[in-house]
Amino acid sequence: MFFNIYLGALTAWHEKWKDFINEGAKGADGKMHYVHKNARSAYLSLKRNTPWLWTFYDFPELQMPNTNNELEALNSTLKAKLNLHKGISKERRKVIIQDFLKNHSLRR
């Protein structure tokens, strides 16, 4: 249900703004470049990743979160721990990351 609404809205948005997204101009090098690269990139990213955007609805038994907040918190905690040990070797850094992730997964 949500997927169909989303897909319809994305398609309608693209139809409305198609000319804007595909607008090009010649650069200093003489080649054509898209004027609105960021808008074009965002649309193409949504279009390309559409099949996976609503995965958490398809598998409720997995209890997947619908945001990445928990992952961002985990990354910031790990980054803070690694910054405390700036002078360590790559091998030691790998051990810290592995232990951190192992201990995190055991708490769940």
C-alpha atoms as a PDB file:
ATOM      1  CA  MET A   1       0.000   0.000   0.000  1.00  0.00           C
ATOM      2  CA  PHE A   2       2.648   2.533   1.075  1.00  0.00           C
ATOM      3  CA  PHE A   3       4.881   1.421  -1.758  1.00  0.00           C
ATOM      4  CA  ASN A   4       2.226   2.162  -4.403  1.00  0.00           C
ATOM      5  CA  ILE A   5       1.487   5.600  -2.942  1.00  0.00           C
ATOM      6  CA  TYR A   6       5.192   6.408  -2.809  1.00  0.00           C
ATOM      7  CA  LEU A   7       5.837   5.174  -6.341  1.00  0.00           C
ATOM      8  CA  GLY A   8       2.895   7.174  -7.694  1.00  0.00           C
ATOM      9  CA  ALA A   9       4.063  10.336  -5.941  1.00  0.00           C
ATOM     10  CA  LEU A  10       7.638   9.884  -7.161  1.00  0.00           C
ATOM     11  CA  THR A  11       6.467   9.329 -10.730  1.00  0.00           C
ATOM     12  CA  ALA A  12       4.175  12.381 -10.591  1.00  0.00           C
ATOM     13  CA  TRP A  13       7.001  14.493  -9.160  1.00  0.00           C
ATOM     14  CA  HIS A  14       9.338  13.377 -11.935  1.00  0.00           C
ATOM     15  CA  GLU A  15       6.779  14.137 -14.645  1.00  0.00           C
ATOM     16  CA  LYS A  16       6.298  17.646 -13.244  1.00  0.00           C
ATOM     17  CA  TRP A  17      10.028  18.412 -12.922  1.00  0.00           C
ATOM     18  CA  LYS A  18      11.444  16.302 -15.782  1.00  0.00           C
ATOM     19  CA  ASP A  19      12.589  19.293 -17.849  1.00  0.00           C
ATOM     20  CA  PHE A  20      14.207  20.923 -14.822  1.00  0.00           C
ATOM     21  CA  ILE A  21      16.088  17.738 -13.858  1.00  0.00           C
ATOM     22  CA  ASN A  22      17.306  17.115 -17.402  1.00  0.00           C
ATOM     23  CA  GLU A  23      18.343  20.725 -18.034  1.00  0.00           C
ATOM     24  CA  GLY A  24      21.863  20.890 -19.417  1.00  0.00           C
ATOM     25  CA  ALA A  25      24.400  23.567 -20.245  1.00  0.00           C
ATOM     26  CA  LYS A  26      27.747  23.602 -21.974  1.00  0.00           C
ATOM     27  CA  GLY A  27      30.652  23.804 -19.610  1.00  0.00           C
ATOM     28  CA  ALA A  28      34.003  25.511 -20.107  1.00  0.00           C
ATOM     29  CA  ASP A  29      35.295  22.234 -21.556  1.00  0.00           C
ATOM     30  CA  GLY A  30      32.655  22.363 -24.296  1.00  0.00           C
ATOM     31  CA  LYS A  31      30.774  19.300 -22.995  1.00  0.00           C
ATOM     32  CA  MET A  32      27.170  19.212 -21.841  1.00  0.00           C
ATOM     33  CA  HIS A  33      26.657  19.033 -18.063  1.00  0.00           C
ATOM     34  CA  TYR A  34      23.485  18.774 -16.019  1.00  0.00           C
ATOM     35  CA  VAL A  35      22.683  22.093 -14.357  1.00  0.00           C
ATOM     36  CA  HIS A  36      20.830  20.640 -11.351  1.00  0.00           C
ATOM     37  CA  LYS A  37      23.138  17.728 -10.498  1.00  0.00           C
ATOM     38  CA  ASN A  38      22.013  17.355  -6.883  1.00  0.00           C
ATOM     39  CA  ALA A  39      18.291  17.206  -7.713  1.00  0.00           C
ATOM     40  CA  ARG A  40      18.996  14.735 -10.502  1.00  0.00           C
ATOM     41  CA  SER A  41      21.199  12.605  -8.250  1.00  0.00           C
ATOM     42  CA  ALA A  42      18.580  12.556  -5.470  1.00  0.00           C
ATOM     43  CA  TYR A  43      15.823  11.481  -7.865  1.00  0.00           C
ATOM     44  CA  LEU A  44      17.959   8.762  -9.454  1.00  0.00           C
ATOM     45  CA  SER A  45      18.997   7.496  -6.012  1.00  0.00           C
ATOM     46  CA  LEU A  46      15.355   7.239  -4.897  1.00  0.00           C
ATOM     47  CA  LYS A  47      14.415   5.516  -8.140  1.00  0.00           C
ATOM     48  CA  ARG A  48      17.328   3.071  -7.949  1.00  0.00           C
ATOM     49  CA  ASN A  49      16.799   2.208  -4.269  1.00  0.00           C
ATOM     50  CA  THR A  50      12.986   2.095  -4.308  1.00  0.00           C
ATOM     51  CA  PRO A  51      12.764  -1.714  -3.959  1.00  0.00           C
ATOM     52  CA  TRP A  52      14.575  -1.560  -0.606  1.00  0.00           C
ATOM     53  CA  LEU A  53      13.039   1.551   0.959  1.00  0.00           C
ATOM     54  CA  TRP A  54      10.063  -0.240   2.509  1.00  0.00           C
ATOM     55  CA  THR A  55      11.730  -3.542   3.445  1.00  0.00           C
ATOM     56  CA  PHE A  56      10.920  -3.109   7.131  1.00  0.00           C
ATOM     57  CA  TYR A  57       7.188  -3.280   6.259  1.00  0.00           C
ATOM     58  CA  ASP A  58       7.611  -6.526   4.327  1.00  0.00           C
ATOM     59  CA  PHE A  59       9.229  -8.443   7.200  1.00  0.00           C
ATOM     60  CA  PRO A  60       7.596  -7.380  10.497  1.00  0.00           C
ATOM     61  CA  GLU A  61       8.864 -10.540  12.234  1.00  0.00           C
ATOM     62  CA  LEU A  62      12.434  -9.209  11.943  1.00  0.00           C
ATOM     63  CA  GLN A  63      11.489  -6.075  13.910  1.00  0.00           C
ATOM     64  CA  MET A  64      13.632  -3.852  11.694  1.00  0.00           C
ATOM     65  CA  PRO A  65      13.688  -0.183  12.660  1.00  0.00           C
ATOM     66  CA  ASN A  66      12.366   2.250  10.072  1.00  0.00           C
ATOM     67  CA  THR A  67      15.182   4.743  10.742  1.00  0.00           C
ATOM     68  CA  ASN A  68      18.943   4.466  10.994  1.00  0.00           C
ATOM     69  CA  ASN A  69      19.147   6.337  14.323  1.00  0.00           C
ATOM     70  CA  GLU A  70      20.408   3.307  16.245  1.00  0.00           C
ATOM     71  CA  LEU A  71      23.116   2.666  13.666  1.00  0.00           C
ATOM     72  CA  GLU A  72      24.224   6.318  13.740  1.00  0.00           C
ATOM     73  CA  ALA A  73      24.433   6.188  17.537  1.00  0.00           C
ATOM     74  CA  LEU A  74      26.512   3.015  17.344  1.00  0.00           C
ATOM     75  CA  ASN A  75      28.867   4.621  14.806  1.00  0.00           C
ATOM     76  CA  SER A  76      29.339   7.776  16.886  1.00  0.00           C
ATOM     77  CA  THR A  77      30.089   5.744  20.027  1.00  0.00           C
ATOM     78  CA  LEU A  78      32.618   3.629  18.142  1.00  0.00           C
ATOM     79  CA  LYS A  79      34.219   6.726  16.619  1.00  0.00           C
ATOM     80  CA  ALA A  80      34.544   8.320  20.060  1.00  0.00           C
ATOM     81  CA  LYS A  81      36.222   5.185  21.438  1.00  0.00           C
ATOM     82  CA  LEU A  82      38.649   5.034  18.514  1.00  0.00           C
ATOM     83  CA  ASN A  83      39.530   8.728  18.888  1.00  0.00           C
ATOM     84  CA  LEU A  84      40.672   8.024  22.454  1.00  0.00           C
ATOM     85  CA  HIS A  85      43.366   5.755  20.982  1.00  0.00           C
ATOM     86  CA  LYS A  86      44.684   7.821  18.080  1.00  0.00           C
ATOM     87  CA  GLY A  87      48.176   6.349  17.968  1.00  0.00           C
ATOM     88  CA  ILE A  88      47.270   2.665  17.708  1.00  0.00           C
ATOM     89  CA  SER A  89      48.201   0.451  14.773  1.00  0.00           C
ATOM     90  CA  LYS A  90      45.691  -0.689  12.158  1.00  0.00           C
ATOM     91  CA  GLU A  91      45.746  -4.226  13.538  1.00  0.00           C
ATOM     92  CA  ARG A  92      44.970  -3.028  17.071  1.00  0.00           C
ATOM     93  CA  ARG A  93      42.238  -0.744  15.687  1.00  0.00           C
ATOM     94  CA  LYS A  94      40.623  -3.759  13.977  1.00  0.00           C
ATOM     95  CA  VAL A  95      40.663  -5.673  17.276  1.00  0.00           C
ATOM     96  CA  ILE A  96      38.956  -2.765  19.085  1.00  0.00           C
ATOM     97  CA  ILE A  97      36.255  -2.558  16.390  1.00  0.00           C
ATOM     98  CA  GLN A  98      35.666  -6.317  16.417  1.00  0.00           C
ATOM     99  CA  ASP A  99      35.406  -6.429  20.211  1.00  0.00           C
ATOM    100  CA  PHE A 100      33.094  -3.421  20.271  1.00  0.00           C
ATOM    101  CA  LEU A 101      30.742  -4.929  17.688  1.00  0.00           C
ATOM    102  CA  LYS A 102      30.839  -8.358  19.355  1.00  0.00           C
ATOM    103  CA  ASN A 103      29.971  -6.878  22.752  1.00  0.00           C
ATOM    104  CA  HIS A 104      27.217  -4.754  21.207  1.00  0.00           C
ATOM    105  CA  SER A 105      25.620  -7.744  19.507  1.00  0.00           C
ATOM    106  CA  LEU A 106      25.731  -9.749  22.748  1.00  0.00           C
ATOM    107  CA  ARG A 107      23.713  -7.047  24.551  1.00  0.00           C
ATOM    108  CA  ARG A 108      20.773  -7.387  22.157  1.00  0.00           C
END
